[in-house]
């Protein structure tokens, strides 16, 4: 059917097959990326739960490149850049910075999702375009042959319907994979939010330690 199809229908079919190949490539790459990122984030959260200060956390996670470690380094750099901090102002600045790191990590994990959404939304219509074009050619063939014999009509219609089938073949996996990764990315963002909360807890503890001697000195 493909060999006998019109050139436009062939182009549509090849485009849909390429879109399907892209979908499965994104699936494999994204699956590996999300598995690695979630594993690293959980390991970093475990380390943050075990430490008692920013310095101790930085000693354990300072060389890591995962986003939770970047959250920690962001807080450490801000603390180091503020020699005599006001605790409330320091916490507020760190909170803003952590939000930006979270947003950057979220954008990074969202790469490829737009491509999946586009393939899932447009593939059925591209396939339908191929079907309409093929049926138009079938009707032109009927007109030229001056007959409505099924043997004349059927091959062209079958070729046209193949384009719709390929459109669905490309679209359905793209939509399913998009939904799967949307949930996975939502879970990963929750891990980043947990990381921010743990970092802010360490910042608060360090601020309490710094303010305690000052409070005792003022009382004396």
C-alpha atoms as a PDB file:
ATOM      1  CA  UNK A   1       0.000   0.000   0.000  1.00  0.00           C
ATOM      2  CA  UNK A   2       2.816   2.379   0.835  1.00  0.00           C
ATOM      3  CA  UNK A   3       4.563   1.816  -2.506  1.00  0.00           C
ATOM      4  CA  UNK A   4       1.391   2.469  -4.481  1.00  0.00           C
ATOM      5  CA  UNK A   5       0.351   5.525  -2.461  1.00  0.00           C
ATOM      6  CA  UNK A   6       0.487   9.097  -3.723  1.00  0.00           C
ATOM      7  CA  UNK A   7       3.707  11.035  -3.027  1.00  0.00           C
ATOM      8  CA  UNK A   8       1.939  13.340  -0.539  1.00  0.00           C
ATOM      9  CA  UNK A   9       0.526  10.366   1.371  1.00  0.00           C
ATOM     10  CA  UNK A  10       3.994   8.771   1.395  1.00  0.00           C
ATOM     11  CA  UNK A  11       5.482  11.931   2.890  1.00  0.00           C
ATOM     12  CA  UNK A  12       2.762  11.979   5.556  1.00  0.00           C
ATOM     13  CA  UNK A  13       3.394   8.328   6.426  1.00  0.00           C
ATOM     14  CA  UNK A  14       7.161   8.797   6.643  1.00  0.00           C
ATOM     15  CA  UNK A  15       6.686  11.876   8.816  1.00  0.00           C
ATOM     16  CA  UNK A  16       4.434   9.975  11.195  1.00  0.00           C
ATOM     17  CA  UNK A  17       6.894   7.081  11.409  1.00  0.00           C
ATOM     18  CA  UNK A  18       9.647   9.569  12.220  1.00  0.00           C
ATOM     19  CA  UNK A  19       7.460  11.174  14.900  1.00  0.00           C
ATOM     20  CA  UNK A  20       6.883   7.737  16.426  1.00  0.00           C
ATOM     21  CA  UNK A  21      10.639   7.109  16.451  1.00  0.00           C
ATOM     22  CA  UNK A  22      11.198  10.458  18.180  1.00  0.00           C
ATOM     23  CA  UNK A  23       8.558   9.585  20.794  1.00  0.00           C
ATOM     24  CA  UNK A  24      10.239   6.342  21.761  1.00  0.00           C
ATOM     25  CA  UNK A  25      13.674   7.963  21.751  1.00  0.00           C
ATOM     26  CA  UNK A  26      12.431  10.617  24.167  1.00  0.00           C
ATOM     27  CA  UNK A  27      10.844   7.881  26.273  1.00  0.00           C
ATOM     28  CA  UNK A  28      14.103   5.963  26.667  1.00  0.00           C
ATOM     29  CA  UNK A  29      16.228   9.060  27.304  1.00  0.00           C
ATOM     30  CA  UNK A  30      13.724  10.654  29.674  1.00  0.00           C
ATOM     31  CA  UNK A  31      13.158   7.453  31.588  1.00  0.00           C
ATOM     32  CA  UNK A  32      16.892   7.134  32.252  1.00  0.00           C
ATOM     33  CA  UNK A  33      17.152  10.827  33.164  1.00  0.00           C
ATOM     34  CA  UNK A  34      14.253  10.761  35.628  1.00  0.00           C
ATOM     35  CA  UNK A  35      15.402   7.527  37.254  1.00  0.00           C
ATOM     36  CA  UNK A  36      18.910   8.910  37.791  1.00  0.00           C
ATOM     37  CA  UNK A  37      17.670  12.303  39.016  1.00  0.00           C
ATOM     38  CA  UNK A  38      15.169  10.801  41.467  1.00  0.00           C
ATOM     39  CA  UNK A  39      17.753   8.361  42.816  1.00  0.00           C
ATOM     40  CA  UNK A  40      20.305  11.128  43.381  1.00  0.00           C
ATOM     41  CA  UNK A  41      17.715  13.423  44.954  1.00  0.00           C
ATOM     42  CA  UNK A  42      16.586  10.766  47.430  1.00  0.00           C
ATOM     43  CA  UNK A  43      20.197  10.030  48.388  1.00  0.00           C
ATOM     44  CA  UNK A  44      20.837  13.746  48.954  1.00  0.00           C
ATOM     45  CA  UNK A  45      17.666  14.088  51.055  1.00  0.00           C
ATOM     46  CA  UNK A  46      18.804  11.183  53.214  1.00  0.00           C
ATOM     47  CA  UNK A  47      22.153  12.912  53.777  1.00  0.00           C
ATOM     48  CA  UNK A  48      20.462  16.219  54.652  1.00  0.00           C
ATOM     49  CA  UNK A  49      18.279  14.451  57.200  1.00  0.00           C
ATOM     50  CA  UNK A  50      21.348  13.017  58.917  1.00  0.00           C
ATOM     51  CA  UNK A  51      23.440  16.194  59.283  1.00  0.00           C
ATOM     52  CA  UNK A  52      23.083  18.962  61.866  1.00  0.00           C
ATOM     53  CA  UNK A  53      24.610  22.012  60.154  1.00  0.00           C
ATOM     54  CA  UNK A  54      25.252  23.556  56.751  1.00  0.00           C
ATOM     55  CA  UNK A  55      28.981  22.971  57.099  1.00  0.00           C
ATOM     56  CA  UNK A  56      28.468  19.269  57.765  1.00  0.00           C
ATOM     57  CA  UNK A  57      26.033  18.989  54.880  1.00  0.00           C
ATOM     58  CA  UNK A  58      28.416  20.819  52.552  1.00  0.00           C
ATOM     59  CA  UNK A  59      31.201  18.437  53.506  1.00  0.00           C
ATOM     60  CA  UNK A  60      29.039  15.489  52.434  1.00  0.00           C
ATOM     61  CA  UNK A  61      27.288  16.917  49.372  1.00  0.00           C
ATOM     62  CA  UNK A  62      29.450  19.834  48.281  1.00  0.00           C
ATOM     63  CA  UNK A  63      30.998  18.017  45.320  1.00  0.00           C
ATOM     64  CA  UNK A  64      27.752  16.546  43.980  1.00  0.00           C
ATOM     65  CA  UNK A  65      26.084  18.007  40.873  1.00  0.00           C
ATOM     66  CA  UNK A  66      22.475  17.036  41.540  1.00  0.00           C
ATOM     67  CA  UNK A  67      19.920  19.837  42.106  1.00  0.00           C
ATOM     68  CA  UNK A  68      19.518  19.140  45.848  1.00  0.00           C
ATOM     69  CA  UNK A  69      23.266  19.644  46.285  1.00  0.00           C
ATOM     70  CA  UNK A  70      22.980  22.870  44.280  1.00  0.00           C
ATOM     71  CA  UNK A  71      20.292  24.016  46.695  1.00  0.00           C
ATOM     72  CA  UNK A  72      22.695  23.401  49.548  1.00  0.00           C
ATOM     73  CA  UNK A  73      25.608  25.174  47.849  1.00  0.00           C
ATOM     74  CA  UNK A  74      23.389  28.160  47.099  1.00  0.00           C
ATOM     75  CA  UNK A  75      22.559  28.506  50.781  1.00  0.00           C
ATOM     76  CA  UNK A  76      26.205  28.034  51.827  1.00  0.00           C
ATOM     77  CA  UNK A  77      27.411  30.702  49.378  1.00  0.00           C
ATOM     78  CA  UNK A  78      24.839  33.190  50.626  1.00  0.00           C
ATOM     79  CA  UNK A  79      25.805  32.541  54.241  1.00  0.00           C
ATOM     80  CA  UNK A  80      29.484  32.987  53.384  1.00  0.00           C
ATOM     81  CA  UNK A  81      28.719  36.223  51.542  1.00  0.00           C
ATOM     82  CA  UNK A  82      26.998  37.643  54.652  1.00  0.00           C
ATOM     83  CA  UNK A  83      29.573  37.820  57.485  1.00  0.00           C
ATOM     84  CA  UNK A  84      27.258  39.403  60.087  1.00  0.00           C
ATOM     85  CA  UNK A  85      23.803  38.396  58.934  1.00  0.00           C
ATOM     86  CA  UNK A  86      20.424  39.402  60.200  1.00  0.00           C
ATOM     87  CA  UNK A  87      18.787  35.962  60.605  1.00  0.00           C
ATOM     88  CA  UNK A  88      15.421  36.971  59.153  1.00  0.00           C
ATOM     89  CA  UNK A  89      16.965  38.759  56.177  1.00  0.00           C
ATOM     90  CA  UNK A  90      19.340  35.883  55.525  1.00  0.00           C
ATOM     91  CA  UNK A  91      16.541  33.315  55.548  1.00  0.00           C
ATOM     92  CA  UNK A  92      14.474  35.447  53.191  1.00  0.00           C
ATOM     93  CA  UNK A  93      17.304  35.845  50.686  1.00  0.00           C
ATOM     94  CA  UNK A  94      18.131  32.148  50.780  1.00  0.00           C
ATOM     95  CA  UNK A  95      14.466  31.274  50.272  1.00  0.00           C
ATOM     96  CA  UNK A  96      14.367  33.431  47.109  1.00  0.00           C
ATOM     97  CA  UNK A  97      17.536  31.846  45.777  1.00  0.00           C
ATOM     98  CA  UNK A  98      16.299  28.322  46.457  1.00  0.00           C
ATOM     99  CA  UNK A  99      13.115  29.067  44.523  1.00  0.00           C
ATOM    100  CA  UNK A 100      15.202  30.062  41.499  1.00  0.00           C
ATOM    101  CA  UNK A 101      17.291  26.880  41.722  1.00  0.00           C
ATOM    102  CA  UNK A 102      14.107  24.794  41.944  1.00  0.00           C
ATOM    103  CA  UNK A 103      12.642  26.567  38.914  1.00  0.00           C
ATOM    104  CA  UNK A 104      15.830  25.980  36.915  1.00  0.00           C
ATOM    105  CA  UNK A 105      15.868  22.276  37.806  1.00  0.00           C
ATOM    106  CA  UNK A 106      12.178  21.968  36.910  1.00  0.00           C
ATOM    107  CA  UNK A 107      12.770  23.524  33.490  1.00  0.00           C
ATOM    108  CA  UNK A 108      15.654  21.130  32.925  1.00  0.00           C
ATOM    109  CA  UNK A 109      13.554  18.051  33.696  1.00  0.00           C
ATOM    110  CA  UNK A 110      10.765  19.375  31.472  1.00  0.00           C
ATOM    111  CA  UNK A 111      12.881  19.177  28.329  1.00  0.00           C
ATOM    112  CA  UNK A 112      11.263  17.022  25.656  1.00  0.00           C
ATOM    113  CA  UNK A 113       7.782  17.264  27.131  1.00  0.00           C
ATOM    114  CA  UNK A 114       6.723  19.909  24.633  1.00  0.00           C
ATOM    115  CA  UNK A 115       7.822  17.641  21.801  1.00  0.00           C
ATOM    116  CA  UNK A 116       5.720  14.773  23.168  1.00  0.00           C
ATOM    117  CA  UNK A 117       2.711  17.061  23.577  1.00  0.00           C
ATOM    118  CA  UNK A 118       3.076  18.342  20.004  1.00  0.00           C
ATOM    119  CA  UNK A 119       3.344  14.837  18.551  1.00  0.00           C
ATOM    120  CA  UNK A 120       0.367  13.617  20.573  1.00  0.00           C
ATOM    121  CA  UNK A 121      -1.795  16.575  19.556  1.00  0.00           C
ATOM    122  CA  UNK A 122      -0.928  16.870  15.857  1.00  0.00           C
ATOM    123  CA  UNK A 123      -0.285  13.308  14.656  1.00  0.00           C
ATOM    124  CA  UNK A 124      -3.977  12.350  14.289  1.00  0.00           C
ATOM    125  CA  UNK A 125      -4.614  15.466  12.206  1.00  0.00           C
ATOM    126  CA  UNK A 126      -1.557  14.854  10.041  1.00  0.00           C
ATOM    127  CA  UNK A 127      -2.775  11.300   9.480  1.00  0.00           C
ATOM    128  CA  UNK A 128      -6.239  12.628   8.678  1.00  0.00           C
ATOM    129  CA  UNK A 129      -4.727  14.988   6.138  1.00  0.00           C
ATOM    130  CA  UNK A 130      -3.051  12.020   4.440  1.00  0.00           C
ATOM    131  CA  UNK A 131      -6.358  10.146   4.457  1.00  0.00           C
ATOM    132  CA  UNK A 132      -8.286  13.043   2.932  1.00  0.00           C
ATOM    133  CA  UNK A 133      -5.647  13.512   0.263  1.00  0.00           C
ATOM    134  CA  UNK A 134      -5.667   9.800  -0.569  1.00  0.00           C
ATOM    135  CA  UNK A 135      -9.464   9.654  -0.811  1.00  0.00           C
ATOM    136  CA  UNK A 136      -9.449  12.711  -3.075  1.00  0.00           C
ATOM    137  CA  UNK A 137      -7.064  10.891  -5.393  1.00  0.00           C
ATOM    138  CA  UNK A 138      -9.308   7.809  -5.258  1.00  0.00           C
ATOM    139  CA  UNK A 139     -12.293   9.866  -6.363  1.00  0.00           C
ATOM    140  CA  UNK A 140     -10.227  11.393  -9.155  1.00  0.00           C
ATOM    141  CA  UNK A 141      -9.275   7.846 -10.209  1.00  0.00           C
ATOM    142  CA  UNK A 142     -12.940   6.843 -10.190  1.00  0.00           C
ATOM    143  CA  UNK A 143     -13.756   9.837 -12.384  1.00  0.00           C
ATOM    144  CA  UNK A 144     -11.006   9.048 -14.849  1.00  0.00           C
ATOM    145  CA  UNK A 145     -11.919   5.352 -15.008  1.00  0.00           C
ATOM    146  CA  UNK A 146     -15.619   6.140 -15.424  1.00  0.00           C
ATOM    147  CA  UNK A 147     -16.497   3.273 -13.092  1.00  0.00           C
ATOM    148  CA  UNK A 148     -17.453   2.685  -9.468  1.00  0.00           C
ATOM    149  CA  UNK A 149     -16.077  -0.841  -9.405  1.00  0.00           C
ATOM    150  CA  UNK A 150     -14.860  -1.741  -5.903  1.00  0.00           C
ATOM    151  CA  UNK A 151     -11.614  -3.091  -7.333  1.00  0.00           C
ATOM    152  CA  UNK A 152     -10.825   0.425  -8.567  1.00  0.00           C
ATOM    153  CA  UNK A 153     -11.906   2.262  -5.393  1.00  0.00           C
ATOM    154  CA  UNK A 154     -10.682  -0.030  -2.628  1.00  0.00           C
ATOM    155  CA  UNK A 155      -6.871   0.191  -3.053  1.00  0.00           C
ATOM    156  CA  UNK A 156      -6.815   3.991  -2.931  1.00  0.00           C
ATOM    157  CA  UNK A 157      -9.088   4.137   0.115  1.00  0.00           C
ATOM    158  CA  UNK A 158      -7.007   1.490   1.910  1.00  0.00           C
ATOM    159  CA  UNK A 159      -3.844   3.494   1.265  1.00  0.00           C
ATOM    160  CA  UNK A 160      -5.545   6.610   2.570  1.00  0.00           C
ATOM    161  CA  UNK A 161      -6.763   4.917   5.754  1.00  0.00           C
ATOM    162  CA  UNK A 162      -3.256   3.656   6.428  1.00  0.00           C
ATOM    163  CA  UNK A 163      -2.233   7.281   7.006  1.00  0.00           C
ATOM    164  CA  UNK A 164      -4.877   7.635   9.732  1.00  0.00           C
ATOM    165  CA  UNK A 165      -3.733   4.404  11.337  1.00  0.00           C
ATOM    166  CA  UNK A 166      -0.138   5.654  11.406  1.00  0.00           C
ATOM    167  CA  UNK A 167      -1.323   8.945  12.900  1.00  0.00           C
ATOM    168  CA  UNK A 168      -2.944   7.082  15.773  1.00  0.00           C
ATOM    169  CA  UNK A 169       0.117   4.831  16.055  1.00  0.00           C
ATOM    170  CA  UNK A 170       2.257   7.924  16.625  1.00  0.00           C
ATOM    171  CA  UNK A 171      -0.195   9.876  18.789  1.00  0.00           C
ATOM    172  CA  UNK A 172      -1.400   7.326  21.343  1.00  0.00           C
ATOM    173  CA  UNK A 173       2.043   6.380  22.764  1.00  0.00           C
ATOM    174  CA  UNK A 174       3.058  10.069  22.816  1.00  0.00           C
ATOM    175  CA  UNK A 175       0.033  11.011  24.920  1.00  0.00           C
ATOM    176  CA  UNK A 176       0.499   8.086  27.314  1.00  0.00           C
ATOM    177  CA  UNK A 177       4.236   8.765  27.712  1.00  0.00           C
ATOM    178  CA  UNK A 178       3.563  12.476  28.240  1.00  0.00           C
ATOM    179  CA  UNK A 179       1.154  11.704  31.078  1.00  0.00           C
ATOM    180  CA  UNK A 180       3.570   9.236  32.674  1.00  0.00           C
ATOM    181  CA  UNK A 181       6.413  11.725  32.677  1.00  0.00           C
ATOM    182  CA  UNK A 182       4.172  14.550  33.857  1.00  0.00           C
ATOM    183  CA  UNK A 183       3.480  12.552  37.015  1.00  0.00           C
ATOM    184  CA  UNK A 184       7.164  11.637  37.367  1.00  0.00           C
ATOM    185  CA  UNK A 185       8.235  15.266  37.027  1.00  0.00           C
ATOM    186  CA  UNK A 186       5.626  16.281  39.593  1.00  0.00           C
ATOM    187  CA  UNK A 187       7.102  13.766  42.028  1.00  0.00           C
ATOM    188  CA  UNK A 188      10.613  15.023  41.307  1.00  0.00           C
ATOM    189  CA  UNK A 189       9.554  18.602  41.987  1.00  0.00           C
ATOM    190  CA  UNK A 190       8.208  17.441  45.337  1.00  0.00           C
ATOM    191  CA  UNK A 191      11.653  15.999  46.128  1.00  0.00           C
ATOM    192  CA  UNK A 192      13.231  19.359  45.291  1.00  0.00           C
ATOM    193  CA  UNK A 193      10.745  21.115  47.568  1.00  0.00           C
ATOM    194  CA  UNK A 194      11.690  18.694  50.351  1.00  0.00           C
ATOM    195  CA  UNK A 195      15.340  19.522  49.693  1.00  0.00           C
ATOM    196  CA  UNK A 196      14.642  23.247  50.022  1.00  0.00           C
ATOM    197  CA  UNK A 197      12.815  22.656  53.287  1.00  0.00           C
ATOM    198  CA  UNK A 198      15.712  20.639  54.712  1.00  0.00           C
ATOM    199  CA  UNK A 199      18.253  23.266  53.644  1.00  0.00           C
ATOM    200  CA  UNK A 200      16.170  26.012  55.262  1.00  0.00           C
ATOM    201  CA  UNK A 201      16.015  23.920  58.427  1.00  0.00           C
ATOM    202  CA  UNK A 202      19.811  23.765  58.544  1.00  0.00           C
ATOM    203  CA  UNK A 203      20.022  27.519  57.909  1.00  0.00           C
ATOM    204  CA  UNK A 204      17.612  28.136  60.755  1.00  0.00           C
ATOM    205  CA  UNK A 205      19.634  25.922  63.085  1.00  0.00           C
ATOM    206  CA  UNK A 206      22.858  27.737  62.217  1.00  0.00           C
ATOM    207  CA  UNK A 207      21.189  31.107  62.761  1.00  0.00           C
ATOM    208  CA  UNK A 208      19.947  29.944  66.164  1.00  0.00           C
ATOM    209  CA  UNK A 209      23.473  28.889  67.106  1.00  0.00           C
ATOM    210  CA  UNK A 210      24.843  32.280  66.078  1.00  0.00           C
ATOM    211  CA  UNK A 211      22.166  34.244  67.887  1.00  0.00           C
ATOM    212  CA  UNK A 212      22.358  32.220  71.126  1.00  0.00           C
ATOM    213  CA  UNK A 213      25.739  33.644  72.305  1.00  0.00           C
ATOM    214  CA  UNK A 214      24.611  37.146  71.420  1.00  0.00           C
ATOM    215  CA  UNK A 215      21.440  36.687  73.445  1.00  0.00           C
ATOM    216  CA  UNK A 216      23.401  35.457  76.479  1.00  0.00           C
ATOM    217  CA  UNK A 217      25.848  38.331  76.178  1.00  0.00           C
ATOM    218  CA  UNK A 218      23.024  40.846  76.035  1.00  0.00           C
ATOM    219  CA  UNK A 219      21.391  39.253  79.073  1.00  0.00           C
ATOM    220  CA  UNK A 220      24.637  39.519  81.061  1.00  0.00           C
END
